[in-house]
Amino acid sequence: EQPQPPPRRGVSFSSTVIIQPIPHSSTLTPAQRRKIYTTCKESRMNKIRNKREYRFEKCHWKNATEEWEMSVDLITGELVHPAHGGI
């Protein structure tokens, strides 16, 4: 008896979909816009944070820190990347 080949792995898509309309940004209220979009300042801060974490991981995606390797902020409950030390 010959060994069975391993099952094929892949991606499949459903034949039925639900179309969700996306409103134009000009139709959103200021509160909705603040919730959905980041400000220039937030984007700059995220870029700085991401660069710091990337350098910590020696600029290689295979060194990416996993969630279980992060600490937890005791006040917010958010995960804290080790690149930020005691922050």
Protein backbone atom coordinates (compact mmCIF):
# COMPACT_ATOMS: atom_id res chain seq x y z
CA GLU A 1 0.00 0.00 0.00
CA GLN A 2 1.41 3.39 -1.03
CA PRO A 3 1.52 6.25 1.47
CA GLN A 4 -1.17 8.87 1.02
CA PRO A 5 -0.01 12.33 -0.06
CA PRO A 6 -0.50 15.03 2.57
CA PRO A 7 -3.78 16.95 2.32
CA ARG A 8 -3.58 20.02 0.14
CA ARG A 9 -3.48 23.31 1.94
CA GLY A 10 -4.89 26.44 0.45
CA VAL A 11 -7.36 29.25 0.57
CA SER A 12 -10.98 29.11 -0.48
CA PHE A 13 -13.65 31.76 -0.73
CA SER A 14 -17.36 31.62 -0.05
CA SER A 15 -19.62 31.85 -3.07
CA THR A 16 -22.01 34.11 -1.13
CA VAL A 17 -20.96 37.52 0.10
CA ILE A 18 -22.53 40.49 1.84
CA ILE A 19 -21.74 43.87 0.35
CA GLN A 20 -21.23 46.58 2.96
CA PRO A 21 -21.37 50.12 1.61
CA ILE A 22 -18.60 52.40 2.82
CA PRO A 23 -19.72 55.99 3.35
CA HIS A 24 -17.62 58.78 1.89
CA SER A 25 -15.50 60.48 4.54
CA SER A 26 -17.25 63.81 3.92
CA THR A 27 -20.54 62.31 5.15
CA LEU A 28 -19.11 61.30 8.53
CA THR A 29 -19.60 63.33 11.67
CA PRO A 30 -16.46 64.73 13.36
CA ALA A 31 -16.79 62.09 16.10
CA GLN A 32 -16.97 59.29 13.52
CA ARG A 33 -13.95 60.68 11.68
CA ARG A 34 -11.90 60.82 14.92
CA LYS A 35 -12.84 57.22 15.67
CA ILE A 36 -11.95 55.89 12.20
CA TYR A 37 -8.96 57.97 11.09
CA THR A 38 -5.68 58.79 12.80
CA THR A 39 -4.32 62.28 13.01
CA CYS A 40 -0.94 63.25 11.56
CA LYS A 41 0.46 63.32 15.09
CA GLU A 42 -0.83 59.79 15.84
CA SER A 43 0.66 58.52 12.57
CA ARG A 44 4.05 60.03 13.42
CA MET A 45 3.97 58.50 16.92
CA ASN A 46 3.02 55.08 15.48
CA LYS A 47 5.89 55.32 12.99
CA ILE A 48 8.36 56.09 15.77
CA ARG A 49 7.02 53.21 17.89
CA ASN A 50 7.13 50.77 14.96
CA LYS A 51 10.72 51.73 14.08
CA ARG A 52 11.81 51.22 17.68
CA GLU A 53 10.21 47.77 17.80
CA TYR A 54 11.69 46.84 14.41
CA ARG A 55 15.19 47.80 15.55
CA PHE A 56 14.69 45.82 18.77
CA GLU A 57 13.92 42.79 16.60
CA LYS A 58 17.18 43.34 14.70
CA CYS A 59 15.32 44.51 11.57
CA HIS A 60 14.17 41.01 10.65
CA TRP A 61 10.56 39.82 10.59
CA LYS A 62 11.54 36.35 11.82
CA ASN A 63 12.57 37.94 15.11
CA ALA A 64 9.14 39.50 15.65
CA THR A 65 8.10 39.49 19.29
CA GLU A 66 5.13 37.23 19.96
CA GLU A 67 2.27 38.30 22.23
CA TRP A 68 3.26 35.80 24.92
CA GLU A 69 6.69 37.50 25.08
CA MET A 70 5.20 40.90 25.90
CA SER A 71 4.33 42.32 29.27
CA VAL A 72 0.90 43.65 30.19
CA ASP A 73 0.22 47.23 31.27
CA LEU A 74 -1.43 46.89 34.68
CA ILE A 75 -3.64 49.93 34.16
CA THR A 76 -4.84 49.54 30.57
CA GLY A 77 -4.37 45.78 30.15
CA GLU A 78 -2.64 46.42 26.82
CA LEU A 79 0.36 44.42 25.69
CA VAL A 80 3.70 46.23 25.93
CA HIS A 81 6.52 45.36 23.52
CA PRO A 82 9.83 44.69 25.31
CA ALA A 83 11.46 47.43 23.19
CA HIS A 84 9.70 49.92 25.45
CA GLY A 85 11.17 48.53 28.65
CA GLY A 86 9.42 49.95 31.68
CA ILE A 87 7.02 52.15 29.74
